[in-house]
Amino acid sequence: MPSDRTLLPCPFCGGQGYPDAELRKGCQPGESGAYSASIRCRSCAAEGPWAKADIPGDAVRLASRQWNERPVP
């Protein structure tokens, strides 16, 4: 299994994924679950599940893990 920093290719087109993180609407930095992140494919725009965490790096790591552990269609 790849590390949280290594993203598997997109299951739909084989393209490269990239993290998309943001401060959730209505939240302030430091609030519980204030940041969300997902992984998106650069080629076909497929998107993995959104992950929530207290700091952006944790949200990206969780989203990366979910992207890498997803079932292949």
Protein backbone atom coordinates (compact mmCIF):
# COMPACT_ATOMS: atom_id res chain seq x y z
CA MET A 1 0.00 0.00 0.00
CA PRO A 2 1.39 3.43 -0.90
CA SER A 3 2.10 6.01 1.80
CA ASP A 4 -0.28 8.91 2.45
CA ARG A 5 1.99 11.09 0.32
CA THR A 6 1.86 8.80 -2.72
CA LEU A 7 -1.41 8.85 -4.65
CA LEU A 8 -2.54 5.93 -6.78
CA PRO A 9 -3.64 6.72 -10.35
CA CYS A 10 -7.26 7.64 -10.99
CA PRO A 11 -9.40 4.49 -11.16
CA PHE A 12 -11.36 5.89 -14.11
CA CYS A 13 -8.72 7.29 -16.46
CA GLY A 14 -5.32 6.55 -14.87
CA GLY A 15 -4.60 10.28 -14.43
CA GLN A 16 -2.74 11.93 -11.59
CA GLY A 17 -4.56 12.98 -8.43
CA TYR A 18 -3.94 16.19 -6.49
CA PRO A 19 -5.16 17.41 -3.08
CA ASP A 20 -7.80 20.12 -2.78
CA ALA A 21 -8.03 21.53 0.77
CA GLU A 22 -10.12 24.38 2.12
CA LEU A 23 -11.36 26.02 5.30
CA ARG A 24 -14.98 24.92 5.64
CA LYS A 25 -17.62 27.64 5.27
CA GLY A 26 -18.59 29.15 8.60
CA CYS A 27 -15.59 27.67 10.44
CA GLN A 28 -12.61 29.41 12.00
CA PRO A 29 -9.06 28.03 12.04
CA GLY A 30 -8.59 25.88 15.13
CA GLU A 31 -12.22 24.71 15.30
CA SER A 32 -12.85 20.97 15.37
CA GLY A 33 -13.24 19.70 11.80
CA ALA A 34 -12.62 23.19 10.38
CA TYR A 35 -10.68 21.95 7.32
CA SER A 36 -11.81 19.63 4.58
CA ALA A 37 -9.88 18.05 1.74
CA SER A 38 -10.41 15.68 -1.14
CA ILE A 39 -8.30 14.29 -3.96
CA ARG A 40 -9.21 15.17 -7.54
CA CYS A 41 -7.95 13.80 -10.83
CA ARG A 42 -6.15 16.32 -13.05
CA SER A 43 -7.36 14.57 -16.21
CA CYS A 44 -11.03 13.67 -15.72
CA ALA A 45 -11.91 15.62 -12.52
CA ALA A 46 -13.03 12.49 -10.64
CA GLU A 47 -13.16 13.29 -6.94
CA GLY A 48 -12.59 11.17 -3.86
CA PRO A 49 -14.52 11.53 -0.60
CA TRP A 50 -14.08 14.68 1.49
CA ALA A 51 -12.18 14.31 4.77
CA LYS A 52 -12.53 16.70 7.73
CA ALA A 53 -9.86 17.52 10.32
CA ASP A 54 -8.67 20.24 12.69
CA ILE A 55 -5.63 21.17 10.58
CA PRO A 56 -5.22 21.18 6.78
CA GLY A 57 -2.37 18.63 6.67
CA ASP A 58 -4.40 16.05 8.56
CA ALA A 59 -7.37 16.54 6.23
CA VAL A 60 -5.13 16.03 3.17
CA ARG A 61 -3.53 12.89 4.68
CA LEU A 62 -6.94 11.40 5.44
CA ALA A 63 -8.28 12.26 1.96
CA SER A 64 -5.15 10.70 0.41
CA ARG A 65 -5.65 7.52 2.43
CA GLN A 66 -9.31 7.34 1.34
CA TRP A 67 -8.34 7.88 -2.33
CA ASN A 68 -5.74 5.12 -2.16
CA GLU A 69 -8.04 2.66 -0.37
CA ARG A 70 -11.09 3.18 -2.58
CA PRO A 71 -12.72 0.28 -4.38
CA VAL A 72 -11.87 0.15 -8.07
CA PRO A 73 -14.98 0.30 -10.29
